[in-house]
Amino acid sequence: MPRLRNSATLHREISAAERITYTAHVARSVVRIVYGNYVQAFRLGAASFESIDDEALNNWHKRLKSL
C-alpha cells in the first residue's frame, strides 16, 4: 500500500470503536452491540482509494482507461 504523504488524513477518520458501542467480542471479527445485534468486520482484497494520494489515484485511473 502506498505511503500517505499527509498522515493527517488518517487522524481525521473516526474509528469504528467510537461509533459502534459493543458489549462483547463473539469472535475475532464479530462483536455484539448494545442493542443485541451482531456486527462483523472483514477486509476485501482490493485497492483502497479513499485515503490514497491524488497522484496514485490518477495513475490507477489512467491504467484502467487504457485497458
Protein backbone atom coordinates (compact mmCIF):
# COMPACT_ATOMS: atom_id res chain seq x y z
CA MET A 1 0.00 0.00 0.00
CA PRO A 2 1.45 3.39 -0.90
CA ARG A 3 2.51 5.56 1.99
CA LEU A 4 0.40 8.62 2.60
CA ARG A 5 2.14 11.93 2.14
CA ASN A 6 -0.13 13.52 4.71
CA SER A 7 -0.82 11.32 7.72
CA ALA A 8 -3.38 13.86 8.97
CA THR A 9 -5.87 12.11 6.69
CA LEU A 10 -5.76 9.05 8.92
CA HIS A 11 -6.20 11.10 12.07
CA ARG A 12 -9.37 12.70 10.68
CA GLU A 13 -11.01 9.30 10.26
CA ILE A 14 -13.27 8.27 13.14
CA SER A 15 -12.60 4.75 14.34
CA ALA A 16 -15.34 2.15 14.39
CA ALA A 17 -14.92 1.77 18.15
CA GLU A 18 -16.10 5.34 18.62
CA ARG A 19 -19.24 4.76 16.53
CA ILE A 20 -20.19 1.16 17.35
CA THR A 21 -20.86 0.60 21.04
CA TYR A 22 -20.39 -3.09 21.67
CA THR A 23 -20.87 -5.29 24.71
CA ALA A 24 -18.81 -8.37 23.85
CA HIS A 25 -16.42 -9.88 21.33
CA VAL A 26 -18.07 -13.01 19.95
CA ALA A 27 -15.22 -13.94 17.60
CA ARG A 28 -12.10 -12.27 16.25
CA SER A 29 -14.07 -10.14 13.80
CA VAL A 30 -17.57 -10.25 15.35
CA VAL A 31 -18.93 -8.07 18.16
CA ARG A 32 -22.31 -7.90 19.81
CA ILE A 33 -23.61 -4.36 20.08
CA VAL A 34 -25.67 -2.95 22.95
CA TYR A 35 -28.95 -3.49 21.08
CA GLY A 36 -28.37 -7.25 20.77
CA ASN A 37 -27.37 -7.23 17.09
CA TYR A 38 -24.07 -8.50 15.73
CA VAL A 39 -21.53 -6.67 13.60
CA GLN A 40 -18.83 -8.41 11.59
CA ALA A 41 -15.84 -6.71 10.01
CA PHE A 42 -13.88 -8.11 7.10
CA ARG A 43 -11.31 -6.87 4.64
CA LEU A 44 -11.74 -7.07 0.92
CA GLY A 45 -8.75 -7.65 -1.29
CA ALA A 46 -8.93 -4.55 -3.45
CA ALA A 47 -7.33 -1.17 -3.91
CA SER A 48 -8.38 1.46 -1.41
CA PHE A 49 -8.89 4.85 -2.99
CA GLU A 50 -10.37 6.87 -0.14
CA SER A 51 -7.13 7.57 1.69
CA ILE A 52 -4.60 7.38 -1.13
CA ASP A 53 -2.82 10.41 -2.52
CA ASP A 54 -4.03 12.06 -5.73
CA GLU A 55 -1.04 11.03 -7.85
CA ALA A 56 -1.52 7.32 -7.21
CA LEU A 57 -5.27 7.59 -7.78
CA ASN A 58 -4.74 9.34 -11.11
CA ASN A 59 -2.25 6.64 -12.17
CA TRP A 60 -4.79 3.90 -11.39
CA HIS A 61 -7.42 5.77 -13.38
CA LYS A 62 -5.12 6.14 -16.41
CA ARG A 63 -4.26 2.42 -16.33
CA LEU A 64 -7.94 1.43 -16.16
CA LYS A 65 -8.83 3.69 -19.07
CA SER A 66 -6.11 2.15 -21.24
CA LEU A 67 -7.38 -1.44 -20.86
